[in-house]
């Protein structure tokens, strides 16, 4: 599945914030004045710069240590994260652990940072320590589940999520995380139910709409997928992944012009985005308009030479324009970058099938859509057999480059 597991982004840090009160209370005494001040520096609504200034003031005063110092350092950590300075955030969280090694909060926070940095084993270690320190707090379980998902260890992730849900069933992100995990276990029906639970608790949770988009795409329910992607884009206008998802759904539904329209808008916003350029290249190639598609593919690859999907798109463009050896070179390069994304050995067969569908429509043998679903060959087989019968050859139902070339000659 090409787009799964895109919705986890900030879950861990959300749990870190929620972990504050129990993390302090678990020490078995009321919060001190210093601890309260540190919590305010971390939680009070303010800009990242102001938060950093406020927490530094408390830290530099020399009047706090232990839990209070750790909480202030976590406030500083969150400020750095808002400022996209992950390494500084990691260093601050590490200092917080040193200040209060038996407080769960710093371990939870550093685990969340490691999870976002894809350092999954480190995240698991920190989250496990947080769980040891406080088994009643769902944060450690949730973040450890994130890390397990990063390792594709979905069975372990599901166990942690279910444990967290017994403590926080009202938390929509937990249901979302459960949905993502169930997708990894290929339990799509249960995943859909969990995504719906998340949306019942929070109808404006954009990431849940995108997870449901994944499920609908797998089920080939493209109109429903597009609706969820569009809703996610409405809720998070700067979450450009949602707009790209909507374009993909429309392309799969054969609505290529609508797909291109969305990518036109997205490229206007992000002209240097390799992903956006590739999205438009693919939609244009399917229209078909390979000559217009090629510049977008070229630019996508120039921006990101490791963008294997752009290489695949350009291969499809080359295939349509008769540049077969160049297409094969692109497919070989794409396979080397990500050998597991497609069944690359069957990619040429998929390209031939799409071209055959186009010709067969003009020849009156095929009435289906020329869509982006390259996995289902059966709608084409009967049409290919009809054409083979027409020209007096063995009716195999299988398209080939030679047969497609013959179709083209029949139309001239």
Protein backbone atom coordinates (compact mmCIF):
# COMPACT_ATOMS: atom_id res chain seq x y z
CA UNK A 1 0.00 0.00 0.00
CA UNK A 2 1.60 3.18 -1.15
CA UNK A 3 0.22 5.78 1.22
CA UNK A 4 -0.39 4.07 4.53
CA UNK A 5 0.98 5.23 7.84
CA UNK A 6 1.00 8.94 6.91
CA UNK A 7 -1.10 10.10 9.83
CA UNK A 8 1.03 9.56 12.92
CA UNK A 9 3.05 12.80 12.85
CA UNK A 10 2.42 14.57 16.18
CA UNK A 11 0.71 11.90 18.22
CA UNK A 12 3.65 11.25 20.52
CA UNK A 13 4.12 14.88 21.49
CA UNK A 14 0.40 15.29 22.11
CA UNK A 15 0.66 12.49 24.65
CA UNK A 16 3.72 14.09 26.21
CA UNK A 17 1.69 17.19 27.00
CA UNK A 18 -1.14 15.09 28.39
CA UNK A 19 1.29 13.18 30.58
CA UNK A 20 2.33 16.18 32.66
CA UNK A 21 -0.14 16.04 35.54
CA UNK A 22 0.13 12.30 36.25
CA UNK A 23 3.88 12.43 35.72
CA UNK A 24 4.25 14.96 38.52
CA UNK A 25 1.50 13.55 40.71
CA UNK A 26 3.00 10.06 40.62
CA UNK A 27 5.76 11.28 42.90
CA UNK A 28 3.15 11.07 45.68
CA UNK A 29 3.12 14.70 46.75
CA UNK A 30 1.46 17.95 45.63
CA UNK A 31 3.29 19.98 43.02
CA UNK A 32 5.61 22.60 44.52
CA UNK A 33 5.49 26.28 43.59
CA UNK A 34 8.59 25.75 41.42
CA UNK A 35 7.01 22.76 39.69
CA UNK A 36 3.86 24.75 39.04
CA UNK A 37 5.88 27.63 37.55
CA UNK A 38 7.78 25.20 35.35
CA UNK A 39 4.51 23.61 34.17
CA UNK A 40 3.17 27.07 33.31
CA UNK A 41 6.29 27.81 31.24
CA UNK A 42 5.65 24.60 29.35
CA UNK A 43 1.87 24.76 28.96
CA UNK A 44 0.83 28.41 28.84
CA UNK A 45 -0.27 29.55 25.36
CA UNK A 46 2.62 31.51 23.84
CA UNK A 47 4.91 31.52 20.84
CA UNK A 48 7.83 29.12 20.72
CA UNK A 49 10.25 32.01 21.20
CA UNK A 50 8.39 33.29 24.26
CA UNK A 51 8.19 29.77 25.68
CA UNK A 52 11.92 29.32 25.24
CA UNK A 53 12.55 32.64 26.97
CA UNK A 54 10.21 31.82 29.87
CA UNK A 55 11.62 28.34 30.45
CA UNK A 56 15.21 29.58 30.17
CA UNK A 57 14.42 32.23 32.81
CA UNK A 58 13.29 29.52 35.24
CA UNK A 59 16.22 27.24 34.42
CA UNK A 60 18.82 30.01 34.68
CA UNK A 61 17.43 31.26 37.98
CA UNK A 62 19.16 28.39 39.76
CA UNK A 63 16.19 28.01 42.08
CA UNK A 64 14.80 24.81 40.57
CA UNK A 65 16.05 21.27 40.45
CA UNK A 66 14.65 17.77 40.14
CA UNK A 67 11.11 17.57 38.80
CA UNK A 68 10.71 21.32 38.35
CA UNK A 69 13.93 21.59 36.35
CA UNK A 70 12.91 18.60 34.21
CA UNK A 71 9.49 20.11 33.44
CA UNK A 72 11.05 23.44 32.47
CA UNK A 73 13.49 21.60 30.21
CA UNK A 74 10.58 19.80 28.55
CA UNK A 75 8.99 23.20 27.95
CA UNK A 76 12.22 24.19 26.28
CA UNK A 77 12.15 20.93 24.32
CA UNK A 78 8.68 21.65 22.95
CA UNK A 79 9.74 25.19 21.99
CA UNK A 80 12.65 23.80 19.99
CA UNK A 81 10.34 21.30 18.30
CA UNK A 82 8.01 24.11 17.22
CA UNK A 83 11.07 25.88 15.82
CA UNK A 84 12.03 22.71 13.87
CA UNK A 85 15.29 22.38 15.79
CA UNK A 86 15.08 18.68 16.54
CA UNK A 87 18.66 18.15 17.69
CA UNK A 88 18.38 20.93 20.28
CA UNK A 89 15.05 19.47 21.38
CA UNK A 90 16.66 16.07 21.83
CA UNK A 91 19.50 17.57 23.87
CA UNK A 92 17.04 19.41 26.15
CA UNK A 93 14.99 16.23 26.68
CA UNK A 94 18.17 14.34 27.58
CA UNK A 95 19.03 17.00 30.16
CA UNK A 96 15.51 16.64 31.57
CA UNK A 97 16.07 12.90 32.04
CA UNK A 98 19.32 13.60 33.86
CA UNK A 99 17.55 16.12 36.11
CA UNK A 100 14.73 13.71 37.06
CA UNK A 101 15.55 10.14 35.98
CA UNK A 102 12.52 8.72 37.78
CA UNK A 103 10.00 11.11 36.23
CA UNK A 104 8.10 9.51 33.29
CA UNK A 105 7.56 12.75 31.37
CA UNK A 106 11.13 13.28 30.06
CA UNK A 107 11.35 9.66 28.91
CA UNK A 108 7.97 9.98 27.14
CA UNK A 109 9.04 13.19 25.45
CA UNK A 110 12.41 11.90 24.26
CA UNK A 111 10.71 8.72 23.03
CA UNK A 112 8.37 10.87 20.95
CA UNK A 113 11.29 12.77 19.46
CA UNK A 114 13.15 9.57 18.63
CA UNK A 115 9.99 8.19 17.02
CA UNK A 116 9.68 11.23 14.78
CA UNK A 117 13.38 10.93 13.88
CA UNK A 118 12.80 7.26 12.91
CA UNK A 119 15.17 6.09 15.64
CA UNK A 120 12.67 3.46 16.64
CA UNK A 121 14.78 1.32 18.95
CA UNK A 122 15.75 4.35 21.04
CA UNK A 123 12.09 5.37 21.14
CA UNK A 124 11.09 1.91 22.37
CA UNK A 125 13.74 2.01 25.11
CA UNK A 126 12.59 5.41 26.41
CA UNK A 127 8.90 4.57 26.17
CA UNK A 128 9.50 1.27 27.99
CA UNK A 129 11.25 3.13 30.80
CA UNK A 130 8.31 5.54 31.06
CA UNK A 131 5.96 2.55 31.32
CA UNK A 132 8.09 1.04 34.09
CA UNK A 133 7.86 4.30 36.00
CA UNK A 134 4.08 4.70 35.56
CA UNK A 135 2.02 1.86 34.13
CA UNK A 136 -1.19 3.88 34.55
CA UNK A 137 -0.28 6.48 31.95
CA UNK A 138 -1.22 5.76 28.30
CA UNK A 139 1.53 7.99 26.88
CA UNK A 140 4.34 5.46 27.06
CA UNK A 141 2.20 2.74 25.48
CA UNK A 142 1.07 5.03 22.67
CA UNK A 143 4.54 6.22 21.76
CA UNK A 144 6.01 2.73 21.98
CA UNK A 145 3.25 1.64 19.61
CA UNK A 146 4.34 4.38 17.19
CA UNK A 147 7.88 3.05 17.27
CA UNK A 148 6.71 -0.51 16.73
CA UNK A 149 4.72 0.68 13.72
CA UNK A 150 7.90 2.32 12.42
CA UNK A 151 9.53 -1.12 12.65
CA UNK A 152 6.43 -2.71 11.08
CA UNK A 153 5.99 -4.77 14.23
CA UNK A 154 2.22 -4.37 14.14
CA UNK A 155 1.32 -7.15 16.57
CA UNK A 156 3.37 -5.55 19.38
CA UNK A 157 1.97 -2.13 18.44
CA UNK A 158 -1.62 -3.37 18.68
CA UNK A 159 -1.01 -4.77 22.16
CA UNK A 160 0.29 -1.40 23.39
CA UNK A 161 -2.53 0.54 21.76
CA UNK A 162 -5.19 -1.66 23.29
CA UNK A 163 -3.53 -1.22 26.68
CA UNK A 164 -3.58 2.56 26.24
CA UNK A 165 -7.21 2.49 25.13
CA UNK A 166 -8.28 0.84 28.37
CA UNK A 167 -6.97 3.98 30.11
CA UNK A 168 -7.95 6.66 27.57
CA UNK A 169 -10.82 5.42 25.37
CA UNK A 170 -11.94 8.99 24.71
CA UNK A 171 -8.69 9.95 23.00
CA UNK A 172 -9.32 10.01 19.20
CA UNK A 173 -5.64 9.75 18.22
CA UNK A 174 -5.46 6.38 19.95
CA UNK A 175 -8.29 5.03 17.81
CA UNK A 176 -6.50 6.50 14.79
CA UNK A 177 -3.26 4.78 15.76
CA UNK A 178 -5.19 1.53 16.16
CA UNK A 179 -6.62 1.95 12.67
CA UNK A 180 -3.14 2.44 11.20
CA UNK A 181 -1.88 -0.65 13.01
CA UNK A 182 -4.79 -2.77 11.78
CA UNK A 183 -4.02 -1.65 8.23
CA UNK A 184 -0.52 -3.00 8.74
CA UNK A 185 -2.06 -6.30 9.79
CA UNK A 186 -4.29 -6.28 6.65
CA UNK A 187 -7.44 -6.09 8.79
CA UNK A 188 -9.12 -3.41 6.72
CA UNK A 189 -12.64 -3.87 8.09
CA UNK A 190 -11.44 -3.41 11.67
CA UNK A 191 -9.21 -0.54 10.56
CA UNK A 192 -12.21 1.23 9.02
CA UNK A 193 -14.18 0.78 12.24
CA UNK A 194 -11.32 2.26 14.29
CA UNK A 195 -10.99 5.23 11.92
CA UNK A 196 -14.71 5.87 12.25
CA UNK A 197 -14.36 5.76 16.05
CA UNK A 198 -11.64 8.41 15.84
CA UNK A 199 -13.84 10.61 13.65
CA UNK A 200 -16.85 10.21 15.95
CA UNK A 201 -14.70 11.56 18.78
CA UNK A 202 -13.18 14.28 16.60
CA UNK A 203 -14.84 14.89 13.20
CA UNK A 204 -12.13 17.42 12.36
CA UNK A 205 -9.19 15.04 12.76
CA UNK A 206 -7.65 15.45 9.31
CA UNK A 207 -5.26 12.52 9.70
CA UNK A 208 -8.18 10.16 10.36
CA UNK A 209 -9.75 11.22 7.07
CA UNK A 210 -6.48 10.35 5.34
CA UNK A 211 -6.33 6.93 6.96
CA UNK A 212 -9.87 6.30 5.80
CA UNK A 213 -8.78 7.53 2.36
CA UNK A 214 -6.21 4.71 2.33
CA UNK A 215 -8.87 2.14 3.13
CA UNK A 216 -11.25 3.40 0.46
CA UNK A 217 -8.43 3.43 -2.09
CA UNK A 218 -7.67 -0.21 -1.30
CA UNK A 219 -11.34 -1.01 -1.83
CA UNK A 220 -11.38 0.90 -5.12
CA UNK A 221 -14.06 3.21 -3.69
CA UNK A 222 -12.41 6.20 -5.30
CA UNK A 223 -15.24 8.71 -4.89
CA UNK A 224 -15.28 8.08 -1.12
CA UNK A 225 -11.49 8.28 -1.02
CA UNK A 226 -11.53 11.64 -2.83
CA UNK A 227 -14.16 12.97 -0.43
CA UNK A 228 -12.03 12.09 2.60
CA UNK A 229 -8.89 13.56 1.06
CA UNK A 230 -10.75 16.77 0.17
CA UNK A 231 -12.08 17.01 3.72
CA UNK A 232 -8.58 16.59 5.13
CA UNK A 233 -7.35 19.36 2.83
CA UNK A 234 -10.17 21.64 4.01
CA UNK A 235 -9.30 20.99 7.65
CA UNK A 236 -5.54 21.41 7.14
CA UNK A 237 -4.99 23.71 4.13
CA UNK A 238 -1.21 23.55 4.51
CA UNK A 239 -1.20 19.75 4.70
CA UNK A 240 -0.40 19.41 1.01
CA UNK A 241 -0.29 15.62 1.28
CA UNK A 242 -4.09 15.69 1.48
CA UNK A 243 -4.39 17.58 -1.80
CA UNK A 244 -2.02 15.14 -3.44
CA UNK A 245 -4.17 12.30 -2.09
CA UNK A 246 -7.31 13.81 -3.61
CA UNK A 247 -5.58 14.11 -6.98
CA UNK A 248 -4.55 10.46 -6.77
CA UNK A 249 -8.11 9.35 -6.02
CA UNK A 250 -9.49 11.28 -8.99
CA UNK A 251 -6.84 9.79 -11.28
CA UNK A 252 -7.77 6.28 -10.18
CA UNK A 253 -11.41 7.14 -10.87
CA UNK A 254 -10.56 8.18 -14.41
CA UNK A 255 -11.21 11.88 -13.68
CA UNK A 256 -7.88 13.03 -15.02
CA UNK A 257 -8.78 16.65 -15.69
CA UNK A 258 -9.90 17.09 -12.08
CA UNK A 259 -6.70 15.41 -10.92
CA UNK A 260 -4.61 17.82 -13.00
CA UNK A 261 -6.58 20.83 -11.73
CA UNK A 262 -5.72 19.95 -8.14
CA UNK A 263 -2.05 19.47 -8.99
CA UNK A 264 -2.00 22.81 -10.84
CA UNK A 265 -3.09 24.53 -7.63
CA UNK A 266 -0.63 22.53 -5.54
CA UNK A 267 2.29 23.32 -7.86
CA UNK A 268 1.41 27.01 -7.71
CA UNK A 269 1.80 26.76 -3.92
CA UNK A 270 4.86 24.48 -3.94
CA UNK A 271 6.65 24.93 -7.28
CA UNK A 272 9.78 23.12 -6.06
CA UNK A 273 7.95 20.04 -4.79
CA UNK A 274 9.08 16.87 -6.56
CA UNK A 275 6.00 15.08 -5.28
CA UNK A 276 3.63 17.67 -6.75
CA UNK A 277 5.42 17.67 -10.10
CA UNK A 278 5.31 13.89 -10.21
CA UNK A 279 1.60 13.91 -9.36
CA UNK A 280 0.81 16.15 -12.31
CA UNK A 281 3.11 14.20 -14.62
CA UNK A 282 1.26 10.99 -13.76
CA UNK A 283 -2.20 12.49 -14.23
CA UNK A 284 -1.21 14.03 -17.58
CA UNK A 285 0.31 10.76 -18.74
CA UNK A 286 -2.98 9.03 -18.02
CA UNK A 287 -5.13 11.62 -19.85
CA UNK A 288 -3.16 10.81 -22.16
CA UNK A 289 -0.89 13.81 -22.75
CA UNK A 290 2.64 12.38 -22.49
CA UNK A 291 4.37 15.29 -24.20
CA UNK A 292 2.92 17.74 -21.69
CA UNK A 293 3.64 15.31 -18.84
CA UNK A 294 7.35 14.86 -19.54
CA UNK A 295 8.63 18.29 -18.30
CA UNK A 296 7.00 17.73 -14.91
CA UNK A 297 8.62 14.30 -14.56
CA UNK A 298 11.98 15.70 -15.61
CA UNK A 299 11.75 18.47 -13.02
CA UNK A 300 10.64 16.07 -10.28
CA UNK A 301 13.67 13.86 -10.90
CA UNK A 302 15.97 16.86 -11.06
CA UNK A 303 14.65 18.05 -7.68
CA UNK A 304 14.89 14.56 -6.17
CA UNK A 305 16.97 11.97 -8.07
CA UNK A 306 15.84 9.32 -5.55
CA UNK A 307 12.14 9.88 -6.27
CA UNK A 308 11.44 6.39 -7.60
CA UNK A 309 7.77 7.19 -8.28
CA UNK A 310 8.82 10.01 -10.59
CA UNK A 311 11.15 7.58 -12.38
CA UNK A 312 8.20 5.20 -12.74
CA UNK A 313 6.01 8.02 -14.08
CA UNK A 314 8.66 9.05 -16.60
CA UNK A 315 9.00 5.42 -17.67
CA UNK A 316 5.27 5.39 -18.43
CA UNK A 317 5.64 8.61 -20.42
CA UNK A 318 8.60 7.19 -22.36
CA UNK A 319 6.66 3.99 -23.02
CA UNK A 320 3.82 5.92 -24.59
CA UNK A 321 6.17 7.84 -26.86
CA UNK A 322 8.05 4.75 -28.06
CA UNK A 323 11.22 5.33 -26.02
CA UNK A 324 11.13 1.78 -24.67
CA UNK A 325 14.79 1.39 -23.69
CA UNK A 326 14.74 4.67 -21.76
CA UNK A 327 11.57 3.51 -20.02
CA UNK A 328 13.24 0.26 -19.02
CA UNK A 329 16.26 2.15 -17.68
CA UNK A 330 13.98 4.28 -15.50
CA UNK A 331 12.16 1.21 -14.18
CA UNK A 332 15.48 -0.45 -13.37
CA UNK A 333 16.63 2.66 -11.46
CA UNK A 334 13.32 2.92 -9.60
CA UNK A 335 13.46 -0.75 -8.59
CA UNK A 336 16.96 -0.25 -7.21
CA UNK A 337 15.78 2.63 -5.02
CA UNK A 338 12.73 0.81 -3.63
CA UNK A 339 12.54 -2.84 -4.72
CA UNK A 340 9.38 -3.56 -2.73
CA UNK A 341 7.09 -0.69 -3.73
CA UNK A 342 5.72 -2.34 -6.89
CA UNK A 343 6.02 -5.72 -8.47
CA UNK A 344 8.52 -4.14 -10.84
CA UNK A 345 8.86 -7.22 -13.03
CA UNK A 346 5.22 -6.79 -14.06
CA UNK A 347 5.37 -3.02 -14.56
CA UNK A 348 5.83 -3.20 -18.32
CA UNK A 349 2.80 -5.48 -18.53
CA UNK A 350 0.77 -2.80 -16.74
CA UNK A 351 1.94 -0.10 -19.15
CA UNK A 352 1.02 -2.26 -22.14
CA UNK A 353 -2.43 -2.91 -20.68
CA UNK A 354 -3.19 0.80 -20.30
CA UNK A 355 -2.11 1.46 -23.90
CA UNK A 356 -4.16 -1.50 -25.09
CA UNK A 357 -7.25 -0.14 -23.33
CA UNK A 358 -6.89 3.16 -25.16
CA UNK A 359 -6.69 1.51 -28.57
CA UNK A 360 -9.44 -1.00 -27.76
CA UNK A 361 -11.84 1.83 -26.91
CA UNK A 362 -11.27 3.36 -30.34
CA UNK A 363 -11.62 -0.08 -31.94
CA UNK A 364 -14.96 -0.63 -30.19
CA UNK A 365 -13.91 -3.59 -28.06
CA UNK A 366 -13.54 -1.97 -24.60
CA UNK A 367 -16.02 0.22 -22.73
CA UNK A 368 -14.36 0.55 -19.33
CA UNK A 369 -12.29 3.41 -17.96
CA UNK A 370 -8.63 4.05 -18.68
CA UNK A 371 -7.80 4.51 -15.03
CA UNK A 372 -4.73 4.35 -12.82
CA UNK A 373 -5.61 0.93 -11.42
CA UNK A 374 -2.86 -1.14 -13.00
CA UNK A 375 -3.51 -4.23 -10.89
CA UNK A 376 -6.78 -5.44 -12.40
CA UNK A 377 -6.19 -6.87 -15.86
CA UNK A 378 -9.50 -8.73 -16.22
CA UNK A 379 -11.59 -5.90 -17.76
CA UNK A 380 -9.13 -5.88 -20.67
CA UNK A 381 -8.86 -9.61 -21.35
CA UNK A 382 -12.22 -10.02 -23.10
CA UNK A 383 -11.57 -6.93 -25.20
CA UNK A 384 -8.13 -8.22 -26.21
CA UNK A 385 -9.66 -11.57 -27.18
CA UNK A 386 -12.24 -9.77 -29.33
CA UNK A 387 -9.47 -7.90 -31.15
CA UNK A 388 -7.41 -11.07 -31.57
CA UNK A 389 -10.46 -12.79 -33.07
CA UNK A 390 -10.94 -9.84 -35.43
CA UNK A 391 -7.40 -10.11 -36.80
CA UNK A 392 -7.41 -13.94 -36.85
CA UNK A 393 -4.80 -14.81 -34.22
CA UNK A 394 -4.93 -17.06 -31.14
CA UNK A 395 -7.25 -15.58 -28.53
CA UNK A 396 -5.03 -15.44 -25.43
CA UNK A 397 -6.56 -12.30 -23.92
CA UNK A 398 -3.07 -11.05 -23.12
CA UNK A 399 -1.81 -7.74 -24.41
CA UNK A 400 1.77 -7.35 -25.60
CA UNK A 401 3.83 -4.57 -27.09
CA UNK A 402 3.61 -6.24 -30.52
CA UNK A 403 -0.17 -6.57 -30.23
CA UNK A 404 -0.54 -2.93 -29.14
CA UNK A 405 1.55 -1.89 -32.12
CA UNK A 406 -0.84 -3.88 -34.35
CA UNK A 407 -3.82 -2.11 -32.75
CA UNK A 408 -2.24 1.19 -33.63
CA UNK A 409 -1.84 0.15 -37.25
CA UNK A 410 -5.50 -0.91 -37.39
CA UNK A 411 -6.51 2.63 -36.43
CA UNK A 412 -4.43 4.37 -39.08
